[in-house]
Amino acid sequence: MTKASVGKPPTRRGKQVAGTAKGSLGQTTGRSVVSKARFEAVMRAAEQSGLLNEKGGRIGGRVSPALVRQAKRQTGIETDTDLIEFALATVALEDNFADVFKESRGKVDPKLKLGF
């Protein structure tokens, strides 16, 4: 992943990503857009986890064009490849915080002094 320069649209492999032409990444134009920081954080975490090292895999499947259009609108990501990569990285890096948080309920001693 290429580092984005300040003032320039972020790019990946020489391609514009995440709606950088109209309704730039992180800005809203009447639609929800994944922030530049979130996109970069997810992709950086995926890269650091070794999930993006080998790009020999290929994925294929039939999906609704309306689903792809809406996902692109919601994220601001323009290319199918970047959309798929971001979606898969988001799922692969999911930490299940909500489930873990619920499971920990009642496991902290109520007498514990937290200092506030």
PDB file of N, CA and C in Angstrom:
ATOM      1  N   MET A   1       0.851  -1.176   0.000  1.00  0.00           N
ATOM      2  CA  MET A   1       0.000   0.000   0.000  1.00  0.00           C
ATOM      3  C   MET A   1       0.887   1.226   0.000  1.00  0.00           C
ATOM      4  N   THR A   2       0.592   2.159  -0.851  1.00  0.00           N
ATOM      5  CA  THR A   2       1.366   3.380  -0.941  1.00  0.00           C
ATOM      6  C   THR A   2       0.895   4.362   0.111  1.00  0.00           C
ATOM      7  N   LYS A   3       1.837   5.089   0.694  1.00  0.00           N
ATOM      8  CA  LYS A   3       1.451   6.109   1.659  1.00  0.00           C
ATOM      9  C   LYS A   3       0.869   7.296   0.909  1.00  0.00           C
ATOM     10  N   ALA A   4      -0.203   7.831   1.437  1.00  0.00           N
ATOM     11  CA  ALA A   4      -0.838   8.982   0.796  1.00  0.00           C
ATOM     12  C   ALA A   4      -0.142  10.253   1.244  1.00  0.00           C
ATOM     13  N   SER A   5       0.179  11.119   0.291  1.00  0.00           N
ATOM     14  CA  SER A   5       0.780  12.398   0.617  1.00  0.00           C
ATOM     15  C   SER A   5      -0.301  13.372   1.023  1.00  0.00           C
ATOM     16  N   VAL A   6       0.042  14.301   1.866  1.00  0.00           N
ATOM     17  CA  VAL A   6      -0.913  15.310   2.291  1.00  0.00           C
ATOM     18  C   VAL A   6      -1.329  16.126   1.078  1.00  0.00           C
ATOM     19  N   GLY A   7      -2.609  16.310   0.916  1.00  0.00           N
ATOM     20  CA  GLY A   7      -3.128  17.110  -0.184  1.00  0.00           C
ATOM     21  C   GLY A   7      -3.317  16.343  -1.475  1.00  0.00           C
ATOM     22  N   LYS A   8      -2.835  15.110  -1.539  1.00  0.00           N
ATOM     23  CA  LYS A   8      -3.023  14.300  -2.741  1.00  0.00           C
ATOM     24  C   LYS A   8      -3.992  13.172  -2.434  1.00  0.00           C
ATOM     25  N   PRO A   9      -4.771  12.737  -3.427  1.00  0.00           N
ATOM     26  CA  PRO A   9      -5.690  11.632  -3.180  1.00  0.00           C
ATOM     27  C   PRO A   9      -4.910  10.359  -2.880  1.00  0.00           C
ATOM     28  N   PRO A  10      -5.418   9.507  -1.948  1.00  0.00           N
ATOM     29  CA  PRO A  10      -4.727   8.260  -1.661  1.00  0.00           C
ATOM     30  C   PRO A  10      -4.790   7.338  -2.866  1.00  0.00           C
ATOM     31  N   THR A  11      -3.736   6.588  -3.084  1.00  0.00           N
ATOM     32  CA  THR A  11      -3.728   5.649  -4.187  1.00  0.00           C
ATOM     33  C   THR A  11      -3.226   4.301  -3.714  1.00  0.00           C
ATOM     34  N   ARG A  12      -3.630   3.251  -4.422  1.00  0.00           N
ATOM     35  CA  ARG A  12      -3.147   1.907  -4.162  1.00  0.00           C
ATOM     36  C   ARG A  12      -2.786   1.352  -5.522  1.00  0.00           C
ATOM     37  N   ARG A  13      -1.576   0.900  -5.650  1.00  0.00           N
ATOM     38  CA  ARG A  13      -1.101   0.338  -6.913  1.00  0.00           C
ATOM     39  C   ARG A  13      -1.399   1.279  -8.080  1.00  0.00           C
ATOM     40  N   GLY A  14      -1.242   2.591  -7.845  1.00  0.00           N
ATOM     41  CA  GLY A  14      -1.426   3.568  -8.903  1.00  0.00           C
ATOM     42  C   GLY A  14      -2.875   3.879  -9.226  1.00  0.00           C
ATOM     43  N   LYS A  15      -3.818   3.340  -8.465  1.00  0.00           N
ATOM     44  CA  LYS A  15      -5.232   3.584  -8.734  1.00  0.00           C
ATOM     45  C   LYS A  15      -5.798   4.500  -7.673  1.00  0.00           C
ATOM     46  N   GLN A  16      -6.735   5.332  -8.069  1.00  0.00           N
ATOM     47  CA  GLN A  16      -7.435   6.166  -7.102  1.00  0.00           C
ATOM     48  C   GLN A  16      -8.368   5.279  -6.296  1.00  0.00           C
ATOM     49  N   VAL A  17      -8.461   5.550  -5.008  1.00  0.00           N
ATOM     50  CA  VAL A  17      -9.371   4.759  -4.194  1.00  0.00           C
ATOM     51  C   VAL A  17     -10.338   5.640  -3.447  1.00  0.00           C
ATOM     52  N   ALA A  18     -11.384   5.017  -3.042  1.00  0.00           N
ATOM     53  CA  ALA A  18     -12.353   5.556  -2.099  1.00  0.00           C
ATOM     54  C   ALA A  18     -12.889   6.931  -2.459  1.00  0.00           C
ATOM     55  N   GLY A  19     -13.328   7.081  -3.682  1.00  0.00           N
ATOM     56  CA  GLY A  19     -14.061   8.289  -4.048  1.00  0.00           C
ATOM     57  C   GLY A  19     -13.246   9.556  -3.961  1.00  0.00           C
ATOM     58  N   THR A  20     -11.989   9.533  -4.371  1.00  0.00           N
ATOM     59  CA  THR A  20     -11.140  10.689  -4.185  1.00  0.00           C
ATOM     60  C   THR A  20     -11.382  11.790  -5.204  1.00  0.00           C
ATOM     61  N   ALA A  21     -12.083  11.512  -6.281  1.00  0.00           N
ATOM     62  CA  ALA A  21     -12.328  12.566  -7.257  1.00  0.00           C
ATOM     63  C   ALA A  21     -13.518  13.420  -6.837  1.00  0.00           C
ATOM     64  N   LYS A  22     -14.680  12.828  -6.783  1.00  0.00           N
ATOM     65  CA  LYS A  22     -15.878  13.547  -6.340  1.00  0.00           C
ATOM     66  C   LYS A  22     -16.230  13.043  -4.960  1.00  0.00           C
ATOM     67  N   GLY A  23     -16.477  13.928  -4.019  1.00  0.00           N
ATOM     68  CA  GLY A  23     -16.795  13.489  -2.664  1.00  0.00           C
ATOM     69  C   GLY A  23     -15.623  12.752  -2.075  1.00  0.00           C
ATOM     70  N   SER A  24     -14.500  13.421  -1.941  1.00  0.00           N
ATOM     71  CA  SER A  24     -13.260  12.799  -1.490  1.00  0.00           C
ATOM     72  C   SER A  24     -13.451  11.910  -0.279  1.00  0.00           C
ATOM     73  N   LEU A  25     -12.577  10.942  -0.172  1.00  0.00           N
ATOM     74  CA  LEU A  25     -12.570  10.019   0.955  1.00  0.00           C
ATOM     75  C   LEU A  25     -12.539  10.812   2.238  1.00  0.00           C
ATOM     76  N   GLY A  26     -13.458  10.522   3.139  1.00  0.00           N
ATOM     77  CA  GLY A  26     -13.495  11.223   4.411  1.00  0.00           C
ATOM     78  C   GLY A  26     -14.399  12.443   4.391  1.00  0.00           C
ATOM     79  N   GLN A  27     -14.842  12.870   3.220  1.00  0.00           N
ATOM     80  CA  GLN A  27     -15.778  13.983   3.129  1.00  0.00           C
ATOM     81  C   GLN A  27     -17.137  13.402   2.765  1.00  0.00           C
ATOM     82  N   THR A  28     -18.180  14.111   3.103  1.00  0.00           N
ATOM     83  CA  THR A  28     -19.495  13.601   2.764  1.00  0.00           C
ATOM     84  C   THR A  28     -20.145  14.465   1.700  1.00  0.00           C
ATOM     85  N   THR A  29     -20.817  13.819   0.795  1.00  0.00           N
ATOM     86  CA  THR A  29     -21.566  14.506  -0.251  1.00  0.00           C
ATOM     87  C   THR A  29     -22.968  13.905  -0.268  1.00  0.00           C
ATOM     88  N   GLY A  30     -23.602  13.878   0.914  1.00  0.00           N
ATOM     89  CA  GLY A  30     -24.924  13.306   1.003  1.00  0.00           C
ATOM     90  C   GLY A  30     -24.908  11.797   1.101  1.00  0.00           C
ATOM     91  N   ARG A  31     -23.758  11.206   1.329  1.00  0.00           N
ATOM     92  CA  ARG A  31     -23.672   9.763   1.467  1.00  0.00           C
ATOM     93  C   ARG A  31     -22.627   9.433   2.526  1.00  0.00           C
ATOM     94  N   SER A  32     -22.710   8.244   3.052  1.00  0.00           N
ATOM     95  CA  SER A  32     -21.736   7.803   4.048  1.00  0.00           C
ATOM     96  C   SER A  32     -20.476   7.380   3.315  1.00  0.00           C
ATOM     97  N   VAL A  33     -19.341   7.854   3.756  1.00  0.00           N
ATOM     98  CA  VAL A  33     -18.079   7.512   3.114  1.00  0.00           C
ATOM     99  C   VAL A  33     -17.095   7.063   4.181  1.00  0.00           C
ATOM    100  N   VAL A  34     -16.402   5.975   3.909  1.00  0.00           N
ATOM    101  CA  VAL A  34     -15.369   5.506   4.824  1.00  0.00           C
ATOM    102  C   VAL A  34     -14.296   6.572   4.892  1.00  0.00           C
ATOM    103  N   SER A  35     -13.894   6.935   6.092  1.00  0.00           N
ATOM    104  CA  SER A  35     -12.874   7.960   6.218  1.00  0.00           C
ATOM    105  C   SER A  35     -11.553   7.441   5.689  1.00  0.00           C
ATOM    106  N   LYS A  36     -10.756   8.351   5.210  1.00  0.00           N
ATOM    107  CA  LYS A  36      -9.422   8.009   4.708  1.00  0.00           C
ATOM    108  C   LYS A  36      -8.637   7.307   5.809  1.00  0.00           C
ATOM    109  N   ALA A  37      -8.755   7.813   7.034  1.00  0.00           N
ATOM    110  CA  ALA A  37      -8.028   7.228   8.163  1.00  0.00           C
ATOM    111  C   ALA A  37      -8.475   5.789   8.419  1.00  0.00           C
ATOM    112  N   ARG A  38      -9.783   5.523   8.348  1.00  0.00           N
ATOM    113  CA  ARG A  38     -10.272   4.162   8.588  1.00  0.00           C
ATOM    114  C   ARG A  38      -9.806   3.218   7.490  1.00  0.00           C
ATOM    115  N   PHE A  39      -9.944   3.662   6.241  1.00  0.00           N
ATOM    116  CA  PHE A  39      -9.508   2.835   5.117  1.00  0.00           C
ATOM    117  C   PHE A  39      -8.032   2.486   5.276  1.00  0.00           C
ATOM    118  N   GLU A  40      -7.214   3.496   5.530  1.00  0.00           N
ATOM    119  CA  GLU A  40      -5.774   3.265   5.665  1.00  0.00           C
ATOM    120  C   GLU A  40      -5.450   2.410   6.883  1.00  0.00           C
ATOM    121  N   ALA A  41      -6.171   2.601   7.984  1.00  0.00           N
ATOM    122  CA  ALA A  41      -5.918   1.810   9.191  1.00  0.00           C
ATOM    123  C   ALA A  41      -6.236   0.338   8.957  1.00  0.00           C
ATOM    124  N   VAL A  42      -7.365   0.065   8.319  1.00  0.00           N
ATOM    125  CA  VAL A  42      -7.746  -1.319   8.040  1.00  0.00           C
ATOM    126  C   VAL A  42      -6.725  -1.961   7.108  1.00  0.00           C
ATOM    127  N   MET A  43      -6.368  -1.246   6.047  1.00  0.00           N
ATOM    128  CA  MET A  43      -5.440  -1.827   5.080  1.00  0.00           C
ATOM    129  C   MET A  43      -4.032  -1.978   5.668  1.00  0.00           C
ATOM    130  N   ARG A  44      -3.622  -1.034   6.500  1.00  0.00           N
ATOM    131  CA  ARG A  44      -2.306  -1.135   7.157  1.00  0.00           C
ATOM    132  C   ARG A  44      -2.286  -2.327   8.122  1.00  0.00           C
ATOM    133  N   ALA A  45      -3.364  -2.499   8.889  1.00  0.00           N
ATOM    134  CA  ALA A  45      -3.456  -3.625   9.823  1.00  0.00           C
ATOM    135  C   ALA A  45      -3.448  -4.949   9.064  1.00  0.00           C
ATOM    136  N   ALA A  46      -4.150  -5.006   7.948  1.00  0.00           N
ATOM    137  CA  ALA A  46      -4.168  -6.225   7.136  1.00  0.00           C
ATOM    138  C   ALA A  46      -2.777  -6.515   6.591  1.00  0.00           C
ATOM    139  N   GLU A  47      -2.099  -5.456   6.160  1.00  0.00           N
ATOM    140  CA  GLU A  47      -0.739  -5.622   5.639  1.00  0.00           C
ATOM    141  C   GLU A  47       0.209  -6.105   6.734  1.00  0.00           C
ATOM    142  N   GLN A  48       0.128  -5.480   7.909  1.00  0.00           N
ATOM    143  CA  GLN A  48       0.995  -5.856   9.030  1.00  0.00           C
ATOM    144  C   GLN A  48       0.691  -7.266   9.534  1.00  0.00           C
ATOM    145  N   SER A  49      -0.529  -7.720   9.368  1.00  0.00           N
ATOM    146  CA  SER A  49      -0.909  -9.067   9.781  1.00  0.00           C
ATOM    147  C   SER A  49      -0.515 -10.114   8.746  1.00  0.00           C
ATOM    148  N   GLY A  50       0.056  -9.663   7.643  1.00  0.00           N
ATOM    149  CA  GLY A  50       0.475 -10.588   6.600  1.00  0.00           C
ATOM    150  C   GLY A  50      -0.652 -11.017   5.677  1.00  0.00           C
ATOM    151  N   LEU A  51      -1.785 -10.350   5.774  1.00  0.00           N
ATOM    152  CA  LEU A  51      -2.938 -10.746   4.966  1.00  0.00           C
ATOM    153  C   LEU A  51      -2.855 -10.267   3.523  1.00  0.00           C
ATOM    154  N   LEU A  52      -1.958  -9.344   3.238  1.00  0.00           N
ATOM    155  CA  LEU A  52      -1.861  -8.792   1.880  1.00  0.00           C
ATOM    156  C   LEU A  52      -0.550  -9.162   1.185  1.00  0.00           C
ATOM    157  N   ASN A  53       0.233 -10.039   1.806  1.00  0.00           N
ATOM    158  CA  ASN A  53       1.552 -10.370   1.251  1.00  0.00           C
ATOM    159  C   ASN A  53       1.491 -10.990  -0.130  1.00  0.00           C
ATOM    160  N   GLU A  54       0.745 -12.051  -0.265  1.00  0.00           N
ATOM    161  CA  GLU A  54       0.708 -12.783  -1.529  1.00  0.00           C
ATOM    162  C   GLU A  54      -0.593 -12.475  -2.247  1.00  0.00           C
ATOM    163  N   LYS A  55      -0.489 -11.950  -3.440  1.00  0.00           N
ATOM    164  CA  LYS A  55      -1.698 -11.577  -4.170  1.00  0.00           C
ATOM    165  C   LYS A  55      -1.890 -12.461  -5.396  1.00  0.00           C
ATOM    166  N   GLY A  56      -1.735 -13.763  -5.203  1.00  0.00           N
ATOM    167  CA  GLY A  56      -1.920 -14.695  -6.300  1.00  0.00           C
ATOM    168  C   GLY A  56      -3.328 -15.263  -6.337  1.00  0.00           C
ATOM    169  N   GLY A  57      -4.090 -15.030  -5.272  1.00  0.00           N
ATOM    170  CA  GLY A  57      -5.444 -15.577  -5.203  1.00  0.00           C
ATOM    171  C   GLY A  57      -6.408 -14.804  -6.080  1.00  0.00           C
ATOM    172  N   ARG A  58      -7.436 -15.481  -6.480  1.00  0.00           N
ATOM    173  CA  ARG A  58      -8.460 -14.855  -7.309  1.00  0.00           C
ATOM    174  C   ARG A  58      -9.801 -15.245  -6.728  1.00  0.00           C
ATOM    175  N   ILE A  59     -10.728 -14.313  -6.744  1.00  0.00           N
ATOM    176  CA  ILE A  59     -12.058 -14.579  -6.203  1.00  0.00           C
ATOM    177  C   ILE A  59     -13.075 -14.289  -7.296  1.00  0.00           C
ATOM    178  N   GLY A  60     -14.075 -15.097  -7.353  1.00  0.00           N
ATOM    179  CA  GLY A  60     -15.119 -14.895  -8.349  1.00  0.00           C
ATOM    180  C   GLY A  60     -16.464 -15.280  -7.771  1.00  0.00           C
ATOM    181  N   GLY A  61     -17.460 -14.640  -8.242  1.00  0.00           N
ATOM    182  CA  GLY A  61     -18.795 -14.959  -7.774  1.00  0.00           C
ATOM    183  C   GLY A  61     -19.785 -14.003  -8.390  1.00  0.00           C
ATOM    184  N   ARG A  62     -21.013 -14.375  -8.331  1.00  0.00           N
ATOM    185  CA  ARG A  62     -22.062 -13.524  -8.874  1.00  0.00           C
ATOM    186  C   ARG A  62     -22.711 -12.770  -7.717  1.00  0.00           C
ATOM    187  N   VAL A  63     -22.740 -11.456  -7.862  1.00  0.00           N
ATOM    188  CA  VAL A  63     -23.369 -10.608  -6.855  1.00  0.00           C
ATOM    189  C   VAL A  63     -24.259  -9.601  -7.557  1.00  0.00           C
ATOM    190  N   SER A  64     -25.190  -9.090  -6.823  1.00  0.00           N
ATOM    191  CA  SER A  64     -26.108  -8.104  -7.358  1.00  0.00           C
ATOM    192  C   SER A  64     -25.346  -6.810  -7.673  1.00  0.00           C
ATOM    193  N   PRO A  65     -25.511  -6.275  -8.875  1.00  0.00           N
ATOM    194  CA  PRO A  65     -24.880  -4.995  -9.201  1.00  0.00           C
ATOM    195  C   PRO A  65     -25.343  -3.883  -8.258  1.00  0.00           C
ATOM    196  N   ALA A  66     -26.597  -3.960  -7.793  1.00  0.00           N
ATOM    197  CA  ALA A  66     -27.108  -2.961  -6.851  1.00  0.00           C
ATOM    198  C   ALA A  66     -26.340  -3.026  -5.536  1.00  0.00           C
ATOM    199  N   LEU A  67     -25.984  -4.235  -5.092  1.00  0.00           N
ATOM    200  CA  LEU A  67     -25.200  -4.396  -3.872  1.00  0.00           C
ATOM    201  C   LEU A  67     -23.828  -3.751  -4.017  1.00  0.00           C
ATOM    202  N   VAL A  68     -23.181  -3.979  -5.138  1.00  0.00           N
ATOM    203  CA  VAL A  68     -21.857  -3.396  -5.385  1.00  0.00           C
ATOM    204  C   VAL A  68     -21.955  -1.874  -5.461  1.00  0.00           C
ATOM    205  N   ARG A  69     -22.945  -1.355  -6.199  1.00  0.00           N
ATOM    206  CA  ARG A  69     -23.118   0.102  -6.307  1.00  0.00           C
ATOM    207  C   ARG A  69     -23.330   0.737  -4.940  1.00  0.00           C
ATOM    208  N   GLN A  70     -24.204   0.118  -4.131  1.00  0.00           N
ATOM    209  CA  GLN A  70     -24.495   0.669  -2.812  1.00  0.00           C
ATOM    210  C   GLN A  70     -23.273   0.602  -1.903  1.00  0.00           C
ATOM    211  N   ALA A  71     -22.530  -0.491  -1.948  1.00  0.00           N
ATOM    212  CA  ALA A  71     -21.315  -0.618  -1.133  1.00  0.00           C
ATOM    213  C   ALA A  71     -20.292   0.439  -1.545  1.00  0.00           C
ATOM    214  N   LYS A  72     -20.169   0.677  -2.837  1.00  0.00           N
ATOM    215  CA  LYS A  72     -19.254   1.718  -3.314  1.00  0.00           C
ATOM    216  C   LYS A  72     -19.731   3.092  -2.860  1.00  0.00           C
ATOM    217  N   ARG A  73     -21.032   3.338  -2.936  1.00  0.00           N
ATOM    218  CA  ARG A  73     -21.577   4.613  -2.466  1.00  0.00           C
ATOM    219  C   ARG A  73     -21.319   4.793  -0.974  1.00  0.00           C
ATOM    220  N   GLN A  74     -21.578   3.749  -0.202  1.00  0.00           N
ATOM    221  CA  GLN A  74     -21.423   3.823   1.255  1.00  0.00           C
ATOM    222  C   GLN A  74     -19.975   4.023   1.678  1.00  0.00           C
ATOM    223  N   THR A  75     -19.049   3.431   0.937  1.00  0.00           N
ATOM    224  CA  THR A  75     -17.637   3.516   1.332  1.00  0.00           C
ATOM    225  C   THR A  75     -16.878   4.597   0.593  1.00  0.00           C
ATOM    226  N   GLY A  76     -17.336   4.937  -0.607  1.00  0.00           N
ATOM    227  CA  GLY A  76     -16.585   5.873  -1.429  1.00  0.00           C
ATOM    228  C   GLY A  76     -15.481   5.185  -2.220  1.00  0.00           C
ATOM    229  N   ILE A  77     -15.351   3.880  -2.085  1.00  0.00           N
ATOM    230  CA  ILE A  77     -14.327   3.122  -2.810  1.00  0.00           C
ATOM    231  C   ILE A  77     -14.811   2.926  -4.236  1.00  0.00           C
ATOM    232  N   GLU A  78     -13.937   3.195  -5.192  1.00  0.00           N
ATOM    233  CA  GLU A  78     -14.358   3.185  -6.590  1.00  0.00           C
ATOM    234  C   GLU A  78     -14.115   1.880  -7.331  1.00  0.00           C
ATOM    235  N   THR A  79     -13.054   1.147  -7.003  1.00  0.00           N
ATOM    236  CA  THR A  79     -12.738  -0.059  -7.778  1.00  0.00           C
ATOM    237  C   THR A  79     -13.254  -1.307  -7.082  1.00  0.00           C
ATOM    238  N   ASP A  80     -13.659  -2.297  -7.896  1.00  0.00           N
ATOM    239  CA  ASP A  80     -14.136  -3.566  -7.353  1.00  0.00           C
ATOM    240  C   ASP A  80     -13.053  -4.233  -6.506  1.00  0.00           C
ATOM    241  N   THR A  81     -11.824  -4.235  -6.995  1.00  0.00           N
ATOM    242  CA  THR A  81     -10.723  -4.886  -6.283  1.00  0.00           C
ATOM    243  C   THR A  81     -10.514  -4.267  -4.910  1.00  0.00           C
ATOM    244  N   ASP A  82     -10.459  -2.939  -4.835  1.00  0.00           N
ATOM    245  CA  ASP A  82     -10.251  -2.280  -3.545  1.00  0.00           C
ATOM    246  C   ASP A  82     -11.442  -2.497  -2.620  1.00  0.00           C
ATOM    247  N   LEU A  83     -12.646  -2.527  -3.166  1.00  0.00           N
ATOM    248  CA  LEU A  83     -13.842  -2.762  -2.366  1.00  0.00           C
ATOM    249  C   LEU A  83     -13.807  -4.166  -1.759  1.00  0.00           C
ATOM    250  N   ILE A  84     -13.500  -5.151  -2.573  1.00  0.00           N
ATOM    251  CA  ILE A  84     -13.426  -6.537  -2.088  1.00  0.00           C
ATOM    252  C   ILE A  84     -12.318  -6.680  -1.055  1.00  0.00           C
ATOM    253  N   GLU A  85     -11.154  -6.107  -1.347  1.00  0.00           N
ATOM    254  CA  GLU A  85     -10.022  -6.201  -0.436  1.00  0.00           C
ATOM    255  C   GLU A  85     -10.346  -5.536   0.909  1.00  0.00           C
ATOM    256  N   PHE A  86     -10.960  -4.352   0.875  1.00  0.00           N
ATOM    257  CA  PHE A  86     -11.334  -3.648   2.105  1.00  0.00           C
ATOM    258  C   PHE A  86     -12.380  -4.450   2.882  1.00  0.00           C
ATOM    259  N   ALA A  87     -13.389  -4.965   2.197  1.00  0.00           N
ATOM    260  CA  ALA A  87     -14.449  -5.728   2.863  1.00  0.00           C
ATOM    261  C   ALA A  87     -13.881  -6.989   3.512  1.00  0.00           C
ATOM    262  N   LEU A  88     -13.043  -7.712   2.784  1.00  0.00           N
ATOM    263  CA  LEU A  88     -12.465  -8.933   3.337  1.00  0.00           C
ATOM    264  C   LEU A  88     -11.523  -8.630   4.497  1.00  0.00           C
ATOM    265  N   ALA A  89     -10.730  -7.574   4.370  1.00  0.00           N
ATOM    266  CA  ALA A  89      -9.823  -7.195   5.458  1.00  0.00           C
ATOM    267  C   ALA A  89     -10.610  -6.791   6.696  1.00  0.00           C
ATOM    268  N   THR A  90     -11.712  -6.076   6.504  1.00  0.00           N
ATOM    269  CA  THR A  90     -12.546  -5.659   7.634  1.00  0.00           C
ATOM    270  C   THR A  90     -13.087  -6.882   8.377  1.00  0.00           C
ATOM    271  N   VAL A  91     -13.551  -7.872   7.647  1.00  0.00           N
ATOM    272  CA  VAL A  91     -14.080  -9.093   8.264  1.00  0.00           C
ATOM    273  C   VAL A  91     -12.950  -9.898   8.907  1.00  0.00           C
ATOM    274  N   ALA A  92     -11.833 -10.033   8.205  1.00  0.00           N
ATOM    275  CA  ALA A  92     -10.713 -10.830   8.708  1.00  0.00           C
ATOM    276  C   ALA A  92     -10.118 -10.246   9.982  1.00  0.00           C
ATOM    277  N   LEU A  93     -10.175  -8.936  10.127  1.00  0.00           N
ATOM    278  CA  LEU A  93      -9.577  -8.279  11.286  1.00  0.00           C
ATOM    279  C   LEU A  93     -10.580  -8.033  12.410  1.00  0.00           C
ATOM    280  N   GLU A  94     -11.825  -8.442  12.236  1.00  0.00           N
ATOM    281  CA  GLU A  94     -12.862  -8.225  13.253  1.00  0.00           C
ATOM    282  C   GLU A  94     -12.403  -8.800  14.585  1.00  0.00           C
ATOM    283  N   ASP A  95     -12.524  -8.005  15.633  1.00  0.00           N
ATOM    284  CA  ASP A  95     -12.039  -8.446  16.947  1.00  0.00           C
ATOM    285  C   ASP A  95     -13.154  -8.950  17.861  1.00  0.00           C
ATOM    286  N   ASN A  96     -14.381  -8.945  17.405  1.00  0.00           N
ATOM    287  CA  ASN A  96     -15.518  -9.434  18.189  1.00  0.00           C
ATOM    288  C   ASN A  96     -15.608  -8.765  19.558  1.00  0.00           C
ATOM    289  N   PHE A  97     -15.298  -7.477  19.609  1.00  0.00           N
ATOM    290  CA  PHE A  97     -15.290  -6.743  20.871  1.00  0.00           C
ATOM    291  C   PHE A  97     -16.623  -6.847  21.609  1.00  0.00           C
ATOM    292  N   ALA A  98     -17.721  -6.669  20.892  1.00  0.00           N
ATOM    293  CA  ALA A  98     -19.036  -6.677  21.544  1.00  0.00           C
ATOM    294  C   ALA A  98     -19.293  -8.000  22.250  1.00  0.00           C
ATOM    295  N   ASP A  99     -18.986  -9.114  21.588  1.00  0.00           N
ATOM    296  CA  ASP A  99     -19.206 -10.426  22.197  1.00  0.00           C
ATOM    297  C   ASP A  99     -18.311 -10.630  23.420  1.00  0.00           C
ATOM    298  N   VAL A 100     -17.050 -10.267  23.289  1.00  0.00           N
ATOM    299  CA  VAL A 100     -16.110 -10.418  24.403  1.00  0.00           C
ATOM    300  C   VAL A 100     -16.534  -9.532  25.565  1.00  0.00           C
ATOM    301  N   PHE A 101     -16.983  -8.316  25.259  1.00  0.00           N
ATOM    302  CA  PHE A 101     -17.428  -7.381  26.288  1.00  0.00           C
ATOM    303  C   PHE A 101     -18.629  -7.962  27.045  1.00  0.00           C
ATOM    304  N   LYS A 102     -19.597  -8.515  26.300  1.00  0.00           N
ATOM    305  CA  LYS A 102     -20.778  -9.110  26.936  1.00  0.00           C
ATOM    306  C   LYS A 102     -20.385 -10.289  27.829  1.00  0.00           C
ATOM    307  N   GLU A 103     -19.460 -11.115  27.348  1.00  0.00           N
ATOM    308  CA  GLU A 103     -19.026 -12.292  28.111  1.00  0.00           C
ATOM    309  C   GLU A 103     -18.324 -11.911  29.414  1.00  0.00           C
ATOM    310  N   SER A 104     -17.717 -10.723  29.461  1.00  0.00           N
ATOM    311  CA  SER A 104     -16.979 -10.326  30.659  1.00  0.00           C
ATOM    312  C   SER A 104     -17.891  -9.725  31.728  1.00  0.00           C
ATOM    313  N   ARG A 105     -19.142  -9.523  31.420  1.00  0.00           N
ATOM    314  CA  ARG A 105     -20.093  -8.917  32.366  1.00  0.00           C
ATOM    315  C   ARG A 105     -20.143  -9.729  33.662  1.00  0.00           C
ATOM    316  N   GLY A 106     -19.964  -9.016  34.765  1.00  0.00           N
ATOM    317  CA  GLY A 106     -20.049  -9.649  36.076  1.00  0.00           C
ATOM    318  C   GLY A 106     -18.775 -10.351  36.520  1.00  0.00           C
ATOM    319  N   LYS A 107     -17.710 -10.260  35.755  1.00  0.00           N
ATOM    320  CA  LYS A 107     -16.466 -10.952  36.101  1.00  0.00           C
ATOM    321  C   LYS A 107     -15.463 -10.061  36.812  1.00  0.00           C
ATOM    322  N   VAL A 108     -15.763  -8.782  36.954  1.00  0.00           N
ATOM    323  CA  VAL A 108     -14.887  -7.872  37.682  1.00  0.00           C
ATOM    324  C   VAL A 108     -15.451  -7.724  39.087  1.00  0.00           C
ATOM    325  N   ASP A 109     -14.579  -7.872  40.069  1.00  0.00           N
ATOM    326  CA  ASP A 109     -14.998  -7.773  41.461  1.00  0.00           C
ATOM    327  C   ASP A 109     -15.602  -6.410  41.715  1.00  0.00           C
ATOM    328  N   PRO A 110     -16.871  -6.346  42.177  1.00  0.00           N
ATOM    329  CA  PRO A 110     -17.517  -5.040  42.408  1.00  0.00           C
ATOM    330  C   PRO A 110     -16.828  -4.219  43.492  1.00  0.00           C
ATOM    331  N   LYS A 111     -16.005  -4.835  44.330  1.00  0.00           N
ATOM    332  CA  LYS A 111     -15.283  -4.110  45.385  1.00  0.00           C
ATOM    333  C   LYS A 111     -13.988  -3.507  44.881  1.00  0.00           C
ATOM    334  N   LEU A 112     -13.624  -3.792  43.650  1.00  0.00           N
ATOM    335  CA  LEU A 112     -12.384  -3.277  43.082  1.00  0.00           C
ATOM    336  C   LEU A 112     -12.434  -1.750  42.993  1.00  0.00           C
ATOM    337  N   LYS A 113     -11.427  -1.069  43.521  1.00  0.00           N
ATOM    338  CA  LYS A 113     -11.360   0.400  43.493  1.00  0.00           C
ATOM    339  C   LYS A 113     -10.673   0.804  42.185  1.00  0.00           C
ATOM    340  N   LEU A 114     -11.384   1.551  41.374  1.00  0.00           N
ATOM    341  CA  LEU A 114     -10.866   1.961  40.078  1.00  0.00           C
ATOM    342  C   LEU A 114     -10.239   3.367  40.114  1.00  0.00           C
ATOM    343  N   GLY A 115     -10.360   4.060  41.217  1.00  0.00           N
ATOM    344  CA  GLY A 115      -9.697   5.359  41.338  1.00  0.00           C
ATOM    345  C   GLY A 115     -10.491   6.541  40.802  1.00  0.00           C
ATOM    346  N   PHE A 116     -11.756   6.357  40.571  1.00  0.00           N
ATOM    347  CA  PHE A 116     -12.563   7.508  40.170  1.00  0.00           C
ATOM    348  C   PHE A 116     -13.935   7.424  40.743  1.00  0.00           C
TER     349      PHE A 116
END
